[in-house]
Protein backbone atom coordinates (compact mmCIF):
# COMPACT_ATOMS: atom_id res chain seq x y z
CA MET A 1 -29.92 7.05 -1.11
CA ALA A 2 -30.77 9.43 -3.91
CA GLY A 3 -27.87 11.70 -4.72
CA PHE A 4 -25.13 9.20 -3.79
CA THR A 5 -22.45 8.99 -6.45
CA GLY A 6 -20.26 6.08 -7.52
CA SER A 7 -17.17 5.25 -9.56
CA CYS A 8 -14.93 2.41 -10.56
CA PHE A 9 -11.65 1.78 -12.36
CA VAL A 10 -12.02 -1.25 -14.62
CA CYS A 11 -9.52 -2.94 -16.91
CA PHE A 12 -10.06 -5.59 -19.54
CA LYS A 13 -7.70 -7.46 -21.80
CA MET A 14 -8.12 -7.21 -25.56
CA LYS A 15 -6.53 -9.07 -28.44
CA VAL A 16 -2.78 -8.68 -28.94
CA SER A 17 -2.39 -8.25 -25.15
CA ARG A 18 -3.92 -4.79 -25.19
CA ILE A 19 -5.27 -3.50 -21.90
CA ALA A 20 -8.10 -0.97 -21.78
CA TRP A 21 -9.01 0.93 -18.65
CA LEU A 22 -12.47 1.97 -17.57
CA LEU A 23 -12.72 4.55 -14.83
CA CYS A 24 -16.24 5.30 -13.64
CA LYS A 25 -17.15 8.78 -12.55
CA ARG A 26 -19.64 10.08 -9.99
CA THR A 27 -23.30 9.72 -10.87
CA GLU A 28 -26.57 9.22 -9.08
CA VAL A 29 -27.34 5.98 -7.28
CA ARG A 30 -30.93 5.03 -6.49
CA ARG A 31 -31.33 1.88 -4.46
CA HIS A 32 -28.84 -0.52 -6.05
CA THR A 33 -28.04 1.22 -9.30
CA VAL A 34 -24.80 3.02 -10.13
CA CYS A 35 -24.55 5.00 -13.38
CA ARG A 36 -21.23 5.78 -15.05
CA THR A 37 -20.32 7.50 -18.31
CA PHE A 38 -17.71 6.43 -20.87
CA ILE A 39 -15.03 8.92 -21.87
CA SER A 40 -12.17 8.13 -24.21
CA GLY A 41 -8.70 8.76 -22.84
CA SER A 42 -5.16 9.25 -24.05
CA THR A 43 -3.47 6.21 -25.51
CA THR A 44 -0.05 7.78 -24.94
CA ARG A 45 -0.61 8.16 -21.19
CA LEU A 46 -1.70 4.58 -20.78
CA GLN A 47 1.33 3.35 -22.66
CA GLN A 48 3.25 4.74 -19.71
CA LEU A 49 1.28 2.40 -17.47
CA SER A 50 1.51 -0.68 -19.66
CA SER A 51 3.84 -1.93 -22.33
CA ALA A 52 0.79 -3.04 -24.25
CA ARG A 53 -0.12 -0.67 -27.08
CA GLY A 54 -3.54 0.66 -27.83
CA SER A 55 -4.74 1.16 -24.27
CA ILE A 56 -7.57 3.62 -23.68
CA CYS A 57 -9.34 5.23 -20.73
CA ARG A 58 -13.04 5.73 -20.52
CA LEU A 59 -15.82 6.11 -18.01
CA GLU A 60 -18.50 3.48 -17.66
CA SER A 61 -21.94 3.09 -16.12
CA MET A 62 -23.25 -0.10 -14.61
CA GLU A 63 -26.04 -1.34 -12.39
CA LEU A 64 -25.45 -2.64 -8.89
CA PRO A 65 -26.98 -5.97 -7.91
CA SER A 66 -29.49 -6.21 -5.08
CA VAL A 67 -28.21 -6.54 -1.54
CA GLY A 68 -28.41 -10.22 -0.62
CA ALA A 69 -28.92 -11.72 2.79
CA LYS A 70 -25.17 -11.96 3.51
CA SER A 71 -24.01 -8.90 1.55
CA VAL A 72 -23.61 -5.18 2.17
CA LEU A 73 -23.92 -2.03 0.09
CA VAL A 74 -20.77 0.07 0.46
CA LYS A 75 -20.21 3.67 -0.54
CA LEU A 76 -16.47 3.98 -1.27
CA LEU A 77 -15.03 7.14 0.27
CA ALA A 78 -11.36 7.22 -0.72
CA ALA A 79 -8.93 4.87 -2.48
CA PRO A 80 -5.18 5.38 -3.05
CA ILE A 81 -3.13 4.52 -6.11
CA ASN A 82 -0.35 2.18 -4.97
CA PRO A 83 2.60 0.72 -6.92
CA SER A 84 0.96 -2.71 -6.65
CA ASP A 85 -2.13 -1.32 -8.38
CA ILE A 86 0.02 -0.14 -11.29
CA ASN A 87 1.82 -3.51 -11.40
CA MET A 88 -1.52 -5.29 -11.57
CA ILE A 89 -2.59 -3.07 -14.44
CA GLN A 90 0.66 -3.79 -16.25
CA GLY A 91 0.22 -7.53 -15.78
CA SER A 92 3.36 -7.91 -13.66
CA TYR A 93 1.76 -8.53 -10.26
CA ALA A 94 1.24 -11.89 -8.56
CA ILE A 95 -2.53 -11.39 -8.63
CA LEU A 96 -4.07 -10.89 -12.06
CA PRO A 97 -7.88 -10.87 -11.82
CA ASP A 98 -10.17 -12.16 -14.50
CA LEU A 99 -10.96 -9.36 -16.91
CA PRO A 100 -12.83 -7.09 -17.01
CA ALA A 101 -12.00 -6.12 -13.45
CA VAL A 102 -12.17 -3.10 -11.18
CA GLY A 103 -8.77 -1.71 -10.18
CA GLY A 104 -7.60 -0.69 -6.72
CA ASN A 105 -6.58 -2.94 -3.83
CA GLU A 106 -6.99 -0.53 -0.96
CA GLY A 107 -9.45 2.06 0.29
CA VAL A 108 -12.14 2.82 2.83
CA GLY A 109 -15.90 2.82 2.44
CA GLN A 110 -19.02 3.33 4.50
CA ILE A 111 -21.81 0.78 4.90
CA LEU A 112 -25.14 2.06 3.56
CA GLU A 113 -27.24 -1.10 3.79
CA VAL A 114 -26.81 -4.62 5.16
CA GLY A 115 -28.47 -7.90 4.31
CA SER A 116 -30.88 -9.67 6.66
CA GLN A 117 -28.26 -12.20 7.84
CA VAL A 118 -25.36 -9.77 8.31
CA LYS A 119 -24.42 -9.66 12.00
CA ALA A 120 -21.03 -7.96 12.35
CA LEU A 121 -21.68 -4.81 10.28
CA ARG A 122 -24.29 -2.07 10.35
CA PRO A 123 -25.07 1.08 8.36
CA GLY A 124 -22.58 3.84 9.07
CA ASP A 125 -19.62 1.52 9.74
CA TRP A 126 -16.35 2.22 7.97
CA VAL A 127 -14.84 -0.81 6.24
CA ILE A 128 -11.70 -1.75 4.32
CA PRO A 129 -11.00 -4.81 2.13
CA ARG A 130 -9.82 -7.97 3.85
CA ASP A 131 -7.91 -9.10 0.76
CA ALA A 132 -6.37 -7.71 -2.41
CA GLY A 133 -8.26 -7.60 -5.69
CA LEU A 134 -11.55 -6.30 -4.32
CA GLY A 135 -11.60 -3.31 -6.68
CA THR A 136 -11.78 -0.04 -4.75
CA TRP A 137 -11.63 2.47 -7.62
CA ARG A 138 -15.40 2.87 -7.74
CA THR A 139 -17.96 4.79 -5.79
CA ALA A 140 -20.24 1.94 -4.76
CA ALA A 141 -20.27 -1.83 -4.53
CA VAL A 142 -22.38 -4.68 -3.21
CA LEU A 143 -19.95 -6.99 -1.42
CA ALA A 144 -20.06 -10.11 0.69
CA GLU A 145 -19.91 -9.39 4.41
CA ASN A 146 -16.69 -11.40 4.65
CA ASP A 147 -14.99 -9.30 1.95
CA VAL A 148 -14.57 -6.36 4.32
CA ILE A 149 -13.59 -5.66 7.92
CA SER A 150 -14.68 -2.69 10.00
CA LEU A 151 -12.55 0.20 11.20
CA PRO A 152 -13.36 2.89 13.75
CA ASN A 153 -14.64 6.04 12.06
CA ASP A 154 -12.88 8.38 14.50
CA ILE A 155 -9.54 8.22 12.67
CA PRO A 156 -8.62 10.50 9.72
CA LEU A 157 -10.08 9.48 6.36
CA PHE A 158 -6.72 9.17 4.61
CA SER A 159 -5.32 7.11 7.50
CA ALA A 160 -8.19 4.68 7.06
CA ALA A 161 -7.89 4.65 3.26
CA THR A 162 -4.17 3.78 3.39
CA LEU A 163 -4.19 1.44 6.39
CA GLY A 164 -4.70 -1.97 4.81
CA VAL A 165 -1.47 -2.38 2.82
CA ASN A 166 1.58 -0.36 3.89
CA PRO A 167 1.10 -0.05 7.66
CA CYS A 168 0.09 -3.72 7.85
CA THR A 169 3.22 -4.68 5.88
CA ALA A 170 5.41 -2.61 8.20
CA PHE A 171 3.71 -3.99 11.32
CA ARG A 172 4.17 -7.61 10.33
CA MET A 173 7.79 -7.24 9.22
CA LEU A 174 8.70 -5.57 12.52
CA SER A 175 6.87 -8.29 14.45
CA ASP A 176 7.38 -11.61 12.70
CA PHE A 177 11.04 -12.04 11.69
CA GLU A 178 13.25 -10.94 14.57
CA GLU A 179 12.58 -10.45 18.26
CA LEU A 180 13.18 -6.71 18.38
CA LYS A 181 13.54 -4.93 21.71
CA PRO A 182 13.83 -1.24 22.61
CA GLY A 183 17.28 -0.04 21.59
CA ASP A 184 17.64 -2.53 18.71
CA THR A 185 18.21 -1.26 15.19
CA VAL A 186 16.43 -1.82 11.87
CA ILE A 187 17.89 -0.68 8.54
CA GLN A 188 15.69 -0.11 5.49
CA ASN A 189 15.87 1.24 1.97
CA ALA A 190 12.90 2.96 0.28
CA ALA A 191 12.51 4.81 3.56
CA ASN A 192 10.32 7.47 1.97
CA SER A 193 7.82 4.94 0.64
CA GLY A 194 4.50 4.28 2.31
CA VAL A 195 5.91 1.17 3.96
CA GLY A 196 9.10 3.00 4.92
CA GLN A 197 7.24 5.82 6.64
CA ALA A 198 5.09 3.32 8.55
CA VAL A 199 8.22 1.38 9.61
CA ILE A 200 9.77 4.58 10.99
CA GLN A 201 6.70 5.44 13.05
CA ILE A 202 5.86 1.97 14.36
CA ALA A 203 9.51 1.33 15.25
CA ALA A 204 9.76 4.67 17.06
CA ALA A 205 6.63 3.82 19.07
CA ARG A 206 8.37 0.60 20.15
CA GLY A 207 11.67 2.28 21.01
CA ILE A 208 13.48 0.72 18.04
CA GLN A 209 16.10 2.73 16.18
CA THR A 210 15.95 2.99 12.40
CA ILE A 211 18.61 3.64 9.75
CA ASN A 212 16.74 4.92 6.74
CA VAL A 213 18.23 4.88 3.25
CA VAL A 214 16.91 7.23 0.58
CA ARG A 215 17.99 8.21 -2.92
CA ASP A 216 19.69 11.54 -3.46
CA ARG A 217 17.35 14.21 -4.76
CA PRO A 218 17.06 18.01 -5.02
CA ASP A 219 14.95 18.31 -1.84
CA LEU A 220 17.05 15.87 0.22
CA THR A 221 17.42 18.18 3.22
CA GLN A 222 13.66 18.68 3.48
CA LEU A 223 13.09 14.93 3.14
CA ILE A 224 15.59 14.15 5.91
CA ASP A 225 13.92 16.67 8.19
CA ARG A 226 10.48 15.24 7.44
CA LEU A 227 11.52 11.62 8.14
CA LYS A 228 13.29 12.61 11.36
CA ALA A 229 10.16 14.46 12.46
CA MET A 230 8.33 11.13 12.06
CA GLY A 231 10.82 9.42 14.37
CA ALA A 232 13.67 8.31 12.08
CA SER A 233 16.90 7.86 14.05
CA HIS A 234 19.22 8.22 11.06
CA VAL A 235 18.60 9.12 7.41
CA ILE A 236 21.38 8.46 4.88
CA LYS A 237 21.86 8.40 1.13
CA GLU A 238 22.36 5.18 -0.83
CA GLU A 239 26.01 6.14 -1.46
CA THR A 240 26.70 6.34 2.27
CA LEU A 241 26.13 2.59 2.64
CA ARG A 242 29.47 2.03 0.91
CA ARG A 243 31.44 4.66 2.80
CA HIS A 244 33.45 4.92 6.00
CA GLU A 245 30.66 6.94 7.63
CA MET A 246 28.84 3.69 8.39
CA LYS A 247 31.55 2.70 10.88
CA GLU A 248 31.06 6.00 12.65
CA LEU A 249 27.29 5.52 12.64
CA PHE A 250 27.61 2.12 14.31
CA LYS A 251 29.46 3.75 17.19
CA THR A 252 26.15 5.38 18.10
CA CYS A 253 23.80 2.41 17.59
CA PRO A 254 24.09 -1.38 17.35
CA ARG A 255 24.27 -3.09 13.98
CA PRO A 256 20.79 -3.95 12.75
CA LYS A 257 19.08 -7.22 13.54
CA LEU A 258 16.65 -6.65 10.67
CA ALA A 259 16.98 -5.19 7.17
CA LEU A 260 13.89 -4.34 5.13
CA ASN A 261 14.35 -4.29 1.36
CA GLY A 262 11.86 -2.66 -0.97
CA VAL A 263 14.31 -1.92 -3.77
CA GLY A 264 16.49 -4.92 -4.68
CA GLY A 265 19.71 -4.84 -6.69
CA LYS A 266 22.85 -3.27 -5.21
CA SER A 267 20.86 -1.50 -2.52
CA ALA A 268 19.72 -4.82 -1.06
CA THR A 269 23.26 -6.22 -1.15
CA GLU A 270 24.56 -3.22 0.78
CA LEU A 271 21.86 -3.67 3.44
CA LEU A 272 22.99 -7.26 3.91
CA ARG A 273 26.59 -6.21 4.48
CA HIS A 274 25.59 -4.17 7.52
CA LEU A 275 23.44 -6.78 9.29
CA GLN A 276 24.70 -8.20 12.54
CA VAL A 277 25.55 -11.91 12.73
CA GLY A 278 22.40 -14.00 12.45
CA GLY A 279 20.26 -11.08 11.31
CA SER A 280 17.47 -11.19 8.73
CA MET A 281 16.81 -9.32 5.52
CA VAL A 282 13.16 -9.30 4.46
CA THR A 283 12.29 -8.31 0.90
CA TYR A 284 8.81 -6.92 0.31
CA GLY A 285 9.32 -5.02 -2.96
CA GLY A 286 11.63 -4.61 -5.93
CA MET A 287 11.41 -1.05 -7.21
CA ALA A 288 14.79 -1.28 -8.95
CA LYS A 289 13.53 -4.31 -10.91
CA GLN A 290 16.88 -5.98 -10.26
CA PRO A 291 17.54 -9.31 -8.51
CA VAL A 292 18.78 -9.55 -4.95
CA THR A 293 22.40 -10.72 -4.87
CA VAL A 294 23.53 -12.31 -1.61
CA PRO A 295 27.29 -12.32 -0.89
CA VAL A 296 28.54 -15.79 -0.03
CA SER A 297 30.43 -14.35 2.95
CA ALA A 298 27.19 -13.06 4.43
CA LEU A 299 25.68 -16.54 4.33
CA ILE A 300 28.74 -18.42 5.58
CA PHE A 301 30.36 -16.11 8.09
CA LYS A 302 27.39 -14.04 9.27
CA ASN A 303 24.65 -16.66 8.92
CA VAL A 304 22.18 -14.07 7.69
CA LYS A 305 18.66 -15.12 6.82
CA VAL A 306 17.10 -13.92 3.56
CA LYS A 307 13.32 -14.00 3.43
CA GLY A 308 10.37 -12.46 1.62
CA PHE A 309 7.08 -11.02 2.76
CA TRP A 310 3.80 -10.31 1.02
CA VAL A 311 1.01 -8.95 3.18
CA THR A 312 -1.65 -10.41 0.87
CA GLN A 313 -0.32 -13.91 1.53
CA TRP A 314 -0.23 -13.22 5.26
CA LYS A 315 -3.88 -12.19 5.20
CA ARG A 316 -4.86 -15.28 3.24
CA THR A 317 -2.88 -17.57 5.53
CA HIS A 318 -4.65 -16.05 8.54
CA SER A 319 -8.07 -15.73 6.91
CA GLN A 320 -9.60 -18.14 9.43
CA ASP A 321 -8.00 -16.36 12.37
CA GLU A 322 -10.23 -13.34 12.89
CA GLY A 323 -8.23 -12.24 15.90
CA ALA A 324 -4.94 -11.90 14.00
CA LEU A 325 -6.13 -9.26 11.52
CA ARG A 326 -8.45 -7.61 14.05
CA GLY A 327 -5.70 -7.33 16.63
CA MET A 328 -3.24 -5.80 14.16
CA LEU A 329 -5.77 -3.23 12.91
CA ASP A 330 -6.76 -2.33 16.47
CA GLU A 331 -3.13 -1.72 17.44
CA LEU A 332 -2.50 0.38 14.34
CA CYS A 333 -5.64 2.43 14.95
CA SER A 334 -4.53 2.98 18.54
CA LEU A 335 -1.23 4.40 17.27
CA ILE A 336 -3.17 6.65 14.87
CA ARG A 337 -5.35 7.98 17.69
CA GLN A 338 -2.25 8.69 19.78
CA GLY A 339 -0.68 10.64 16.92
CA LYS A 340 2.13 8.11 16.61
CA LEU A 341 1.16 6.87 13.14
CA THR A 342 0.07 9.26 10.42
CA ALA A 343 -0.83 8.66 6.79
CA PRO A 344 1.79 9.51 4.18
CA ALA A 345 1.45 12.84 2.45
CA CYS A 346 -1.59 12.51 0.18
CA SER A 347 -2.91 14.44 -2.79
CA GLU A 348 -6.70 14.42 -2.95
CA VAL A 349 -7.75 13.82 -6.55
CA GLY A 350 -11.22 14.07 -8.00
CA LEU A 351 -12.26 11.44 -10.48
CA GLN A 352 -12.27 13.94 -13.33
CA ASP A 353 -8.48 14.17 -12.84
CA PHE A 354 -7.79 10.43 -12.73
CA ARG A 355 -5.43 10.54 -15.73
CA LYS A 356 -3.24 13.13 -14.03
CA ALA A 357 -3.27 11.09 -10.83
CA LEU A 358 -2.08 7.97 -12.64
CA ASP A 359 0.66 9.86 -14.43
CA THR A 360 1.82 11.43 -11.17
CA ALA A 361 1.84 8.08 -9.38
CA MET A 362 4.29 6.78 -12.00
CA GLN A 363 6.82 9.59 -11.62
CA PRO A 364 10.09 9.19 -9.65
CA PHE A 365 10.52 11.09 -6.37
CA THR A 366 6.77 11.52 -6.03
CA SER A 367 6.29 13.22 -2.67
CA ALA A 368 2.58 12.53 -2.17
CA LYS A 369 0.36 9.47 -2.59
CA GLN A 370 -2.45 10.00 -5.07
CA VAL A 371 -5.82 9.30 -3.45
CA LEU A 372 -9.04 9.14 -5.42
CA VAL A 373 -11.81 10.74 -3.39
CA LEU A 374 -14.99 9.00 -4.41
């Protein structure tokens, strides 16, 4: 294994609620040792990631433990920067690991070595985390066999790296809340997000129409064309939800059975207004950082159902049901092989540019997901 390199993104909490980040860069790994170098970073940039003052970035080196009987040595290949990763760093996510901790909840790695009692995995297998909080912003890790689940290695690298969160969220929301049939309609905001793009593609593969709401922006025409090329039935601006055009739209498709809300605030309220009687709105995110307001009339006269979904909780609830997660991943990988589900646009970022990647991930109207190639 000489020549293998490793990295990790670590955070730890200091006095006065200060958060420091440690991002490990590529270095040589021999047997079970990973070396990383500390580099000071810009306090100003990290203040954009956290309200805590005095944050710093640096690179670290650490030694890997030996591979135990039920553990595996994983070389991380690629790991995206998701909004939930940033929220965890900021201390505003539902999962806040003990500190210091390695950042990153998603990614794909390759098995290099397995313990003597490991049965389901072998060297060369691609794996992704089963649960959030594993810490994927590093180049190598010794993990318990049950911490990861295998993927086929004949799908694109970025599809594998971004499979465990957004496509799984989209899959479950389209499967678990309403009995959707070909010809039915789903409406969603945040349609250009990772979840939104997965919803469009999975729904199209099932013959389900989608009404996709996006914010106005300079490149709106190009965005509409791109989403329609993925399979979006309709793409509209937020403002259109409150206009007469919606009545004309519903002459061409039925009112939605299901609304998917990743924004909150007024956008969520407008989605509710367009649901058919007895429909469901599922909230999976809150990018507007505003509460969801439900009109009384929607509850009384339309009997709408308002629910929430968190894919991490779903995975934990089904942690003893191997077939549930395996079956979902197999179906998603089948769609990928058929060309019916592609990864969102990704920017490949080397570890030396991690600060730029974090800054970019925080910007509005970001067109590409930042992926650390490890």
